[in-house]
Every structure is written in structure tokens, then in C-alpha cells.
Amino acid sequence: MNNELVPQPSWWKRNWKWVVPVGGCFTIIIIVVLAFGAIFFGVSNAIEDSQPYEYALEKINTDEDLINALGSPIEKDGMVSGDWKYSNGKKSANMAIPISGPKGKGTLFVEATGEGDDWIYHVIRVEIEDSETFDIMENPELEQF
């Protein structure tokens, strides 16, 4: 009787037929998810770094009626939705920004158009959860920055 041990093939030799396709698929899925995440956060940061976004947040933090309703400071409270376009020297922004203060929450709406470094604001409005609305612009026709 022969008592020699039969060597077992390595783990890789036994399992490569399923590891390669599954690993390849997972790698592709991870790369696609990372690419979409990078694009999403890049666009979100571009909107949040835009002049209309910053100007509107500055305006709402100086409005006494809104401060009485939401408290101070009023800050962004969630993900910005909307769009920011630039084409042939003309630009436009249309955003809905969730905001909150110590006393409550609401949504800041901003609509603006511009050329070069100048912006004309058409809407800067806050709607609070209890359906109260604050129009932040003093003179919508002339508000430029």
C-alpha cells in the first residue's frame, strides 16, 4: 500500500474560473460608482461655490423678518438642487437650497441670470415649512451684484 500524500492544488488553481469574472465585474462596478460620485460631488461643489448661492445665503442672514422666523444663524441643511448653466458668455442659475435655523427649516429659492461677472437676481425667496413665504429682494427689477 502506498501512503504518499497527494498534493492539493493551490486555492488559486481551484477557484480562478469564478474569481476572475466576479472580481472583474466588481472592479468595473466600483470604478463606475466612483466616477459617478466624483461627478456628482464636483457639480454640487461648483453650485455651492457659485456667486448666486453665496449671495443668497448672505442676503437671508441679514433679513430681520426671516431671522425672527428661523433664528440665527441660517445655514444650508441638505443637498442643493437645481442647475447652473454657462453658454456663450451668458449664465443662469436656478436653485432650491434647503436651509435651517435654530427655530425651524425652509427652502431658499434663487433664480438669476448674468453675463461676465455681473448677475441679475430675479428671485430670492424663502418658503418655511408652515407655508410662510419671505421675498428677500427689495426691488426684483434692479437687484444686481
N, C-alpha and C. Protein backbone atom coordinates (compact mmCIF):
# COMPACT_ATOMS: atom_id res chain seq x y z
N MET A 1 0.82 -1.17 0.00
CA MET A 1 0.00 0.00 0.00
C MET A 1 0.88 1.25 0.00
N ASN A 2 0.50 2.20 -0.82
CA ASN A 2 1.27 3.42 -0.98
C ASN A 2 0.63 4.53 -0.13
N ASN A 3 1.36 5.05 0.83
CA ASN A 3 0.83 6.06 1.74
C ASN A 3 1.29 7.48 1.40
N GLU A 4 1.62 7.72 0.19
CA GLU A 4 2.06 9.05 -0.18
C GLU A 4 0.89 10.02 -0.21
N LEU A 5 1.15 11.25 0.24
CA LEU A 5 0.11 12.29 0.22
C LEU A 5 0.01 12.89 -1.16
N VAL A 6 -1.20 13.03 -1.61
CA VAL A 6 -1.42 13.66 -2.91
C VAL A 6 -1.49 15.17 -2.68
N PRO A 7 -0.63 15.93 -3.30
CA PRO A 7 -0.65 17.38 -3.06
C PRO A 7 -1.94 18.00 -3.62
N GLN A 8 -2.53 18.89 -2.82
CA GLN A 8 -3.73 19.61 -3.25
C GLN A 8 -3.31 20.81 -4.10
N PRO A 9 -4.06 21.08 -5.16
CA PRO A 9 -3.74 22.30 -5.91
C PRO A 9 -4.01 23.53 -5.04
N SER A 10 -3.33 24.62 -5.35
CA SER A 10 -3.49 25.84 -4.55
C SER A 10 -4.92 26.39 -4.68
N TRP A 11 -5.25 27.29 -3.77
CA TRP A 11 -6.58 27.90 -3.79
C TRP A 11 -6.84 28.58 -5.13
N TRP A 12 -5.83 29.29 -5.64
CA TRP A 12 -5.98 30.00 -6.90
C TRP A 12 -6.27 29.03 -8.04
N LYS A 13 -5.57 27.92 -8.11
CA LYS A 13 -5.79 26.95 -9.18
C LYS A 13 -7.18 26.33 -9.10
N ARG A 14 -7.71 26.17 -7.90
CA ARG A 14 -9.05 25.58 -7.75
C ARG A 14 -10.16 26.58 -8.06
N ASN A 15 -9.94 27.90 -7.85
CA ASN A 15 -11.04 28.87 -7.89
C ASN A 15 -10.92 29.97 -8.95
N TRP A 16 -9.90 29.97 -9.76
CA TRP A 16 -9.69 31.07 -10.70
C TRP A 16 -10.84 31.22 -11.69
N LYS A 17 -11.53 30.15 -12.01
CA LYS A 17 -12.58 30.21 -13.02
C LYS A 17 -13.78 31.07 -12.59
N TRP A 18 -14.00 31.21 -11.31
CA TRP A 18 -15.08 32.10 -10.88
C TRP A 18 -14.56 33.40 -10.29
N VAL A 19 -13.31 33.42 -9.78
CA VAL A 19 -12.75 34.63 -9.18
C VAL A 19 -12.50 35.70 -10.25
N VAL A 20 -11.98 35.32 -11.38
CA VAL A 20 -11.64 36.29 -12.42
C VAL A 20 -12.88 37.03 -12.94
N PRO A 21 -13.95 36.35 -13.36
CA PRO A 21 -15.10 37.11 -13.85
C PRO A 21 -15.81 37.90 -12.75
N VAL A 22 -15.97 37.33 -11.57
CA VAL A 22 -16.66 38.04 -10.48
C VAL A 22 -15.81 39.23 -10.03
N GLY A 23 -14.53 39.04 -9.86
CA GLY A 23 -13.65 40.14 -9.47
C GLY A 23 -13.61 41.24 -10.51
N GLY A 24 -13.58 40.84 -11.77
CA GLY A 24 -13.59 41.84 -12.85
C GLY A 24 -14.88 42.65 -12.85
N CYS A 25 -16.02 41.99 -12.66
CA CYS A 25 -17.30 42.70 -12.62
C CYS A 25 -17.36 43.65 -11.44
N PHE A 26 -16.92 43.21 -10.27
CA PHE A 26 -16.92 44.08 -9.10
C PHE A 26 -16.00 45.27 -9.30
N THR A 27 -14.87 45.06 -9.94
CA THR A 27 -13.94 46.16 -10.20
C THR A 27 -14.59 47.20 -11.10
N ILE A 28 -15.24 46.76 -12.16
CA ILE A 28 -15.90 47.68 -13.08
C ILE A 28 -17.02 48.43 -12.37
N ILE A 29 -17.80 47.75 -11.56
CA ILE A 29 -18.89 48.39 -10.82
C ILE A 29 -18.34 49.45 -9.87
N ILE A 30 -17.27 49.14 -9.16
CA ILE A 30 -16.67 50.10 -8.23
C ILE A 30 -16.14 51.31 -8.97
N ILE A 31 -15.50 51.13 -10.12
CA ILE A 31 -14.99 52.25 -10.90
C ILE A 31 -16.13 53.14 -11.38
N VAL A 32 -17.23 52.55 -11.85
CA VAL A 32 -18.38 53.33 -12.32
C VAL A 32 -19.00 54.12 -11.16
N VAL A 33 -19.17 53.50 -10.00
CA VAL A 33 -19.73 54.18 -8.84
C VAL A 33 -18.83 55.34 -8.41
N LEU A 34 -17.54 55.13 -8.37
CA LEU A 34 -16.62 56.20 -8.00
C LEU A 34 -16.65 57.35 -9.02
N ALA A 35 -16.76 57.03 -10.30
CA ALA A 35 -16.83 58.07 -11.33
C ALA A 35 -18.09 58.91 -11.18
N PHE A 36 -19.25 58.26 -10.99
CA PHE A 36 -20.49 59.00 -10.79
C PHE A 36 -20.44 59.83 -9.52
N GLY A 37 -19.88 59.29 -8.46
CA GLY A 37 -19.74 60.04 -7.21
C GLY A 37 -18.87 61.27 -7.38
N ALA A 38 -17.77 61.12 -8.10
CA ALA A 38 -16.88 62.26 -8.33
C ALA A 38 -17.58 63.34 -9.15
N ILE A 39 -18.31 62.94 -10.17
CA ILE A 39 -19.05 63.91 -10.98
C ILE A 39 -20.11 64.61 -10.14
N PHE A 40 -20.87 63.84 -9.37
CA PHE A 40 -21.94 64.40 -8.55
C PHE A 40 -21.40 65.42 -7.54
N PHE A 41 -20.36 65.05 -6.81
CA PHE A 41 -19.82 65.96 -5.81
C PHE A 41 -19.11 67.14 -6.46
N GLY A 42 -18.53 66.95 -7.63
CA GLY A 42 -17.92 68.07 -8.35
C GLY A 42 -18.95 69.10 -8.76
N VAL A 43 -20.09 68.64 -9.28
CA VAL A 43 -21.16 69.55 -9.68
C VAL A 43 -21.76 70.24 -8.45
N SER A 44 -21.97 69.48 -7.38
CA SER A 44 -22.51 70.06 -6.15
C SER A 44 -21.59 71.15 -5.61
N ASN A 45 -20.30 70.90 -5.62
CA ASN A 45 -19.35 71.91 -5.15
C ASN A 45 -19.33 73.13 -6.06
N ALA A 46 -19.47 72.93 -7.36
CA ALA A 46 -19.50 74.06 -8.28
C ALA A 46 -20.71 74.95 -8.02
N ILE A 47 -21.86 74.34 -7.76
CA ILE A 47 -23.06 75.12 -7.46
C ILE A 47 -22.89 75.86 -6.14
N GLU A 48 -22.35 75.19 -5.13
CA GLU A 48 -22.18 75.82 -3.82
C GLU A 48 -21.11 76.90 -3.82
N ASP A 49 -20.18 76.85 -4.76
CA ASP A 49 -19.16 77.89 -4.86
C ASP A 49 -19.60 79.03 -5.77
N SER A 50 -20.78 78.95 -6.34
CA SER A 50 -21.23 79.98 -7.28
C SER A 50 -21.63 81.26 -6.55
N GLN A 51 -21.53 82.37 -7.24
CA GLN A 51 -21.86 83.67 -6.66
C GLN A 51 -23.34 83.78 -6.26
N PRO A 52 -24.31 83.28 -7.06
CA PRO A 52 -25.70 83.37 -6.61
C PRO A 52 -25.97 82.62 -5.31
N TYR A 53 -25.36 81.48 -5.14
CA TYR A 53 -25.53 80.69 -3.91
C TYR A 53 -25.02 81.48 -2.71
N GLU A 54 -23.80 81.98 -2.81
CA GLU A 54 -23.20 82.72 -1.70
C GLU A 54 -23.96 84.02 -1.42
N TYR A 55 -24.35 84.73 -2.48
CA TYR A 55 -25.07 85.99 -2.31
C TYR A 55 -26.42 85.77 -1.63
N ALA A 56 -27.15 84.74 -2.04
CA ALA A 56 -28.46 84.46 -1.45
C ALA A 56 -28.34 84.08 0.02
N LEU A 57 -27.36 83.27 0.39
CA LEU A 57 -27.17 82.93 1.80
C LEU A 57 -26.80 84.16 2.62
N GLU A 58 -26.02 85.04 2.03
CA GLU A 58 -25.66 86.29 2.72
C GLU A 58 -26.91 87.15 2.93
N LYS A 59 -27.76 87.24 1.90
CA LYS A 59 -28.98 88.06 1.99
C LYS A 59 -29.95 87.53 3.05
N ILE A 60 -30.14 86.21 3.13
CA ILE A 60 -31.11 85.70 4.09
C ILE A 60 -30.63 85.86 5.52
N ASN A 61 -29.31 85.90 5.71
CA ASN A 61 -28.79 86.08 7.06
C ASN A 61 -28.81 87.53 7.52
N THR A 62 -29.27 88.45 6.66
CA THR A 62 -29.41 89.84 7.05
C THR A 62 -30.87 90.29 7.05
N ASP A 63 -31.79 89.41 6.70
CA ASP A 63 -33.21 89.76 6.67
C ASP A 63 -33.82 89.55 8.06
N GLU A 64 -34.25 90.64 8.69
CA GLU A 64 -34.75 90.59 10.08
C GLU A 64 -35.99 89.72 10.22
N ASP A 65 -36.95 89.82 9.28
CA ASP A 65 -38.17 89.02 9.39
C ASP A 65 -37.86 87.52 9.32
N LEU A 66 -36.96 87.15 8.43
CA LEU A 66 -36.59 85.74 8.29
C LEU A 66 -35.81 85.26 9.52
N ILE A 67 -34.95 86.11 10.06
CA ILE A 67 -34.20 85.74 11.26
C ILE A 67 -35.17 85.54 12.43
N ASN A 68 -36.21 86.38 12.52
CA ASN A 68 -37.21 86.20 13.57
C ASN A 68 -37.95 84.87 13.41
N ALA A 69 -38.17 84.45 12.18
CA ALA A 69 -38.91 83.21 11.92
C ALA A 69 -38.05 81.96 12.11
N LEU A 70 -36.80 81.98 11.62
CA LEU A 70 -35.94 80.79 11.67
C LEU A 70 -34.86 80.84 12.73
N GLY A 71 -34.54 82.01 13.23
CA GLY A 71 -33.44 82.15 14.16
C GLY A 71 -32.15 82.44 13.42
N SER A 72 -31.09 82.63 14.17
CA SER A 72 -29.81 82.95 13.57
C SER A 72 -28.74 82.06 14.19
N PRO A 73 -27.82 81.53 13.44
CA PRO A 73 -27.58 81.71 12.01
C PRO A 73 -28.46 80.77 11.17
N ILE A 74 -28.68 81.19 9.95
CA ILE A 74 -29.40 80.36 8.98
C ILE A 74 -28.35 79.71 8.08
N GLU A 75 -28.40 78.40 7.99
CA GLU A 75 -27.39 77.67 7.24
C GLU A 75 -28.02 76.66 6.29
N LYS A 76 -27.23 76.21 5.35
CA LYS A 76 -27.67 75.15 4.43
C LYS A 76 -27.92 73.88 5.23
N ASP A 77 -28.99 73.16 4.87
CA ASP A 77 -29.36 71.98 5.64
C ASP A 77 -29.76 70.84 4.71
N GLY A 78 -28.87 70.44 3.83
CA GLY A 78 -29.18 69.36 2.92
C GLY A 78 -28.53 69.58 1.57
N MET A 79 -29.03 68.87 0.59
CA MET A 79 -28.44 68.88 -0.74
C MET A 79 -29.12 69.93 -1.62
N VAL A 80 -28.32 70.73 -2.29
CA VAL A 80 -28.81 71.74 -3.20
C VAL A 80 -29.32 71.06 -4.46
N SER A 81 -30.47 71.52 -4.94
CA SER A 81 -30.97 71.00 -6.22
C SER A 81 -31.14 72.18 -7.17
N GLY A 82 -31.10 71.89 -8.44
CA GLY A 82 -31.25 72.95 -9.43
C GLY A 82 -30.18 72.84 -10.49
N ASP A 83 -29.96 73.95 -11.16
CA ASP A 83 -28.95 73.93 -12.22
C ASP A 83 -28.22 75.26 -12.29
N TRP A 84 -27.04 75.20 -12.88
CA TRP A 84 -26.20 76.36 -13.11
C TRP A 84 -25.65 76.18 -14.52
N LYS A 85 -25.99 77.11 -15.42
CA LYS A 85 -25.60 76.95 -16.82
C LYS A 85 -24.71 78.11 -17.26
N TYR A 86 -23.80 77.81 -18.18
CA TYR A 86 -22.93 78.81 -18.77
C TYR A 86 -22.80 78.48 -20.25
N SER A 87 -23.17 79.42 -21.11
CA SER A 87 -23.10 79.18 -22.54
C SER A 87 -22.90 80.51 -23.27
N ASN A 88 -21.86 80.59 -24.09
CA ASN A 88 -21.58 81.76 -24.90
C ASN A 88 -21.54 83.06 -24.10
N GLY A 89 -20.92 83.01 -22.94
CA GLY A 89 -20.78 84.20 -22.12
C GLY A 89 -21.98 84.52 -21.25
N LYS A 90 -23.08 83.81 -21.44
CA LYS A 90 -24.28 84.04 -20.63
C LYS A 90 -24.42 82.90 -19.64
N LYS A 91 -24.90 83.26 -18.46
CA LYS A 91 -25.03 82.24 -17.44
C LYS A 91 -26.37 82.39 -16.72
N SER A 92 -26.83 81.28 -16.15
CA SER A 92 -28.08 81.32 -15.40
C SER A 92 -27.99 80.32 -14.25
N ALA A 93 -28.71 80.65 -13.19
CA ALA A 93 -28.76 79.77 -12.02
C ALA A 93 -30.21 79.66 -11.57
N ASN A 94 -30.61 78.46 -11.24
CA ASN A 94 -31.95 78.19 -10.73
C ASN A 94 -31.77 77.12 -9.65
N MET A 95 -31.88 77.53 -8.38
CA MET A 95 -31.52 76.63 -7.28
C MET A 95 -32.61 76.57 -6.22
N ALA A 96 -32.71 75.44 -5.59
CA ALA A 96 -33.52 75.26 -4.38
C ALA A 96 -32.57 74.74 -3.31
N ILE A 97 -32.43 75.51 -2.24
CA ILE A 97 -31.45 75.20 -1.21
C ILE A 97 -32.18 74.97 0.11
N PRO A 98 -32.11 73.76 0.66
CA PRO A 98 -32.72 73.54 1.98
C PRO A 98 -31.92 74.29 3.04
N ILE A 99 -32.62 75.04 3.91
CA ILE A 99 -31.96 75.82 4.94
C ILE A 99 -32.60 75.53 6.29
N SER A 100 -31.88 75.88 7.34
CA SER A 100 -32.45 75.73 8.69
C SER A 100 -31.79 76.72 9.62
N GLY A 101 -32.54 77.05 10.65
CA GLY A 101 -32.05 77.88 11.73
C GLY A 101 -32.46 77.21 13.03
N PRO A 102 -32.13 77.81 14.15
CA PRO A 102 -32.48 77.20 15.43
C PRO A 102 -33.99 77.03 15.65
N LYS A 103 -34.80 77.84 14.98
CA LYS A 103 -36.25 77.79 15.21
C LYS A 103 -37.03 77.01 14.15
N GLY A 104 -36.42 76.65 13.04
CA GLY A 104 -37.17 75.94 12.02
C GLY A 104 -36.38 75.72 10.75
N LYS A 105 -37.09 75.18 9.74
CA LYS A 105 -36.48 74.85 8.45
C LYS A 105 -37.29 75.47 7.32
N GLY A 106 -36.65 75.57 6.16
CA GLY A 106 -37.31 76.08 4.98
C GLY A 106 -36.50 75.78 3.74
N THR A 107 -36.92 76.36 2.63
CA THR A 107 -36.22 76.20 1.36
C THR A 107 -35.98 77.57 0.75
N LEU A 108 -34.76 77.81 0.34
CA LEU A 108 -34.36 79.06 -0.31
C LEU A 108 -34.36 78.83 -1.81
N PHE A 109 -35.12 79.66 -2.54
CA PHE A 109 -35.17 79.58 -4.00
C PHE A 109 -34.42 80.77 -4.58
N VAL A 110 -33.54 80.49 -5.54
CA VAL A 110 -32.73 81.53 -6.18
C VAL A 110 -32.82 81.35 -7.69
N GLU A 111 -33.15 82.44 -8.39
CA GLU A 111 -33.12 82.46 -9.84
C GLU A 111 -32.35 83.71 -10.25
N ALA A 112 -31.34 83.53 -11.10
CA ALA A 112 -30.50 84.64 -11.52
C ALA A 112 -29.96 84.38 -12.92
N THR A 113 -29.66 85.47 -13.63
CA THR A 113 -29.01 85.39 -14.93
C THR A 113 -27.86 86.38 -14.92
N GLY A 114 -26.91 86.19 -15.83
CA GLY A 114 -25.80 87.12 -15.85
C GLY A 114 -24.93 86.99 -17.08
N GLU A 115 -24.03 87.98 -17.20
CA GLU A 115 -23.00 87.99 -18.23
C GLU A 115 -21.72 88.45 -17.57
N GLY A 116 -20.62 87.83 -17.95
CA GLY A 116 -19.34 88.19 -17.34
C GLY A 116 -19.37 87.94 -15.85
N ASP A 117 -19.00 88.97 -15.07
CA ASP A 117 -19.00 88.86 -13.61
C ASP A 117 -20.28 89.39 -12.99
N ASP A 118 -21.20 89.92 -13.79
CA ASP A 118 -22.42 90.54 -13.27
C ASP A 118 -23.57 89.54 -13.23
N TRP A 119 -24.37 89.62 -12.17
CA TRP A 119 -25.55 88.78 -12.01
C TRP A 119 -26.77 89.68 -11.79
N ILE A 120 -27.89 89.30 -12.37
CA ILE A 120 -29.18 89.94 -12.10
C ILE A 120 -30.05 88.89 -11.44
N TYR A 121 -30.55 89.21 -10.24
CA TYR A 121 -31.34 88.27 -9.45
C TYR A 121 -32.82 88.52 -9.71
N HIS A 122 -33.51 87.47 -10.11
CA HIS A 122 -34.94 87.56 -10.39
C HIS A 122 -35.76 87.09 -9.20
N VAL A 123 -35.27 86.08 -8.49
CA VAL A 123 -35.98 85.54 -7.34
C VAL A 123 -34.98 85.19 -6.25
N ILE A 124 -35.23 85.68 -5.06
CA ILE A 124 -34.58 85.18 -3.84
C ILE A 124 -35.73 85.10 -2.83
N ARG A 125 -36.21 83.88 -2.62
CA ARG A 125 -37.42 83.68 -1.82
C ARG A 125 -37.21 82.49 -0.89
N VAL A 126 -37.76 82.60 0.31
CA VAL A 126 -37.69 81.52 1.28
C VAL A 126 -39.10 81.07 1.62
N GLU A 127 -39.32 79.77 1.53
CA GLU A 127 -40.59 79.18 1.95
C GLU A 127 -40.31 78.33 3.18
N ILE A 128 -41.00 78.66 4.26
CA ILE A 128 -40.82 77.94 5.52
C ILE A 128 -41.83 76.80 5.55
N GLU A 129 -41.53 75.77 6.34
CA GLU A 129 -42.35 74.56 6.40
C GLU A 129 -43.83 74.84 6.66
N ASP A 130 -44.15 75.87 7.45
CA ASP A 130 -45.55 76.13 7.75
C ASP A 130 -46.21 77.02 6.70
N SER A 131 -45.70 77.00 5.47
CA SER A 131 -46.25 77.69 4.30
C SER A 131 -46.07 79.20 4.33
N GLU A 132 -45.28 79.74 5.22
CA GLU A 132 -44.99 81.16 5.22
C GLU A 132 -43.91 81.43 4.18
N THR A 133 -44.04 82.52 3.41
CA THR A 133 -43.10 82.85 2.35
C THR A 133 -42.49 84.22 2.60
N PHE A 134 -41.18 84.33 2.40
CA PHE A 134 -40.47 85.59 2.55
C PHE A 134 -39.79 85.91 1.23
N ASP A 135 -40.11 87.08 0.64
CA ASP A 135 -39.43 87.54 -0.56
C ASP A 135 -38.29 88.43 -0.09
N ILE A 136 -37.07 88.01 -0.30
CA ILE A 136 -35.89 88.67 0.26
C ILE A 136 -35.46 89.88 -0.56
N MET A 137 -35.81 89.95 -1.81
CA MET A 137 -35.34 91.03 -2.68
C MET A 137 -36.11 92.31 -2.42
N GLU A 138 -35.37 93.43 -2.30
CA GLU A 138 -36.03 94.71 -2.11
C GLU A 138 -36.73 95.16 -3.39
N ASN A 139 -36.01 95.16 -4.51
CA ASN A 139 -36.55 95.58 -5.79
C ASN A 139 -36.10 94.55 -6.84
N PRO A 140 -36.95 93.58 -7.17
CA PRO A 140 -36.54 92.49 -8.04
C PRO A 140 -36.02 92.94 -9.40
N GLU A 141 -36.47 94.09 -9.89
CA GLU A 141 -36.03 94.54 -11.22
C GLU A 141 -34.59 95.07 -11.19
N LEU A 142 -34.15 95.59 -10.06
CA LEU A 142 -32.87 96.28 -10.02
C LEU A 142 -31.81 95.57 -9.20
N GLU A 143 -32.10 94.45 -8.61
CA GLU A 143 -31.14 93.77 -7.74
C GLU A 143 -30.05 93.14 -8.59
N GLN A 144 -28.89 93.75 -8.56
CA GLN A 144 -27.75 93.25 -9.30
C GLN A 144 -26.56 93.14 -8.37
N PHE A 145 -25.68 92.23 -8.71
CA PHE A 145 -24.48 92.08 -7.90
C PHE A 145 -23.31 91.76 -8.81
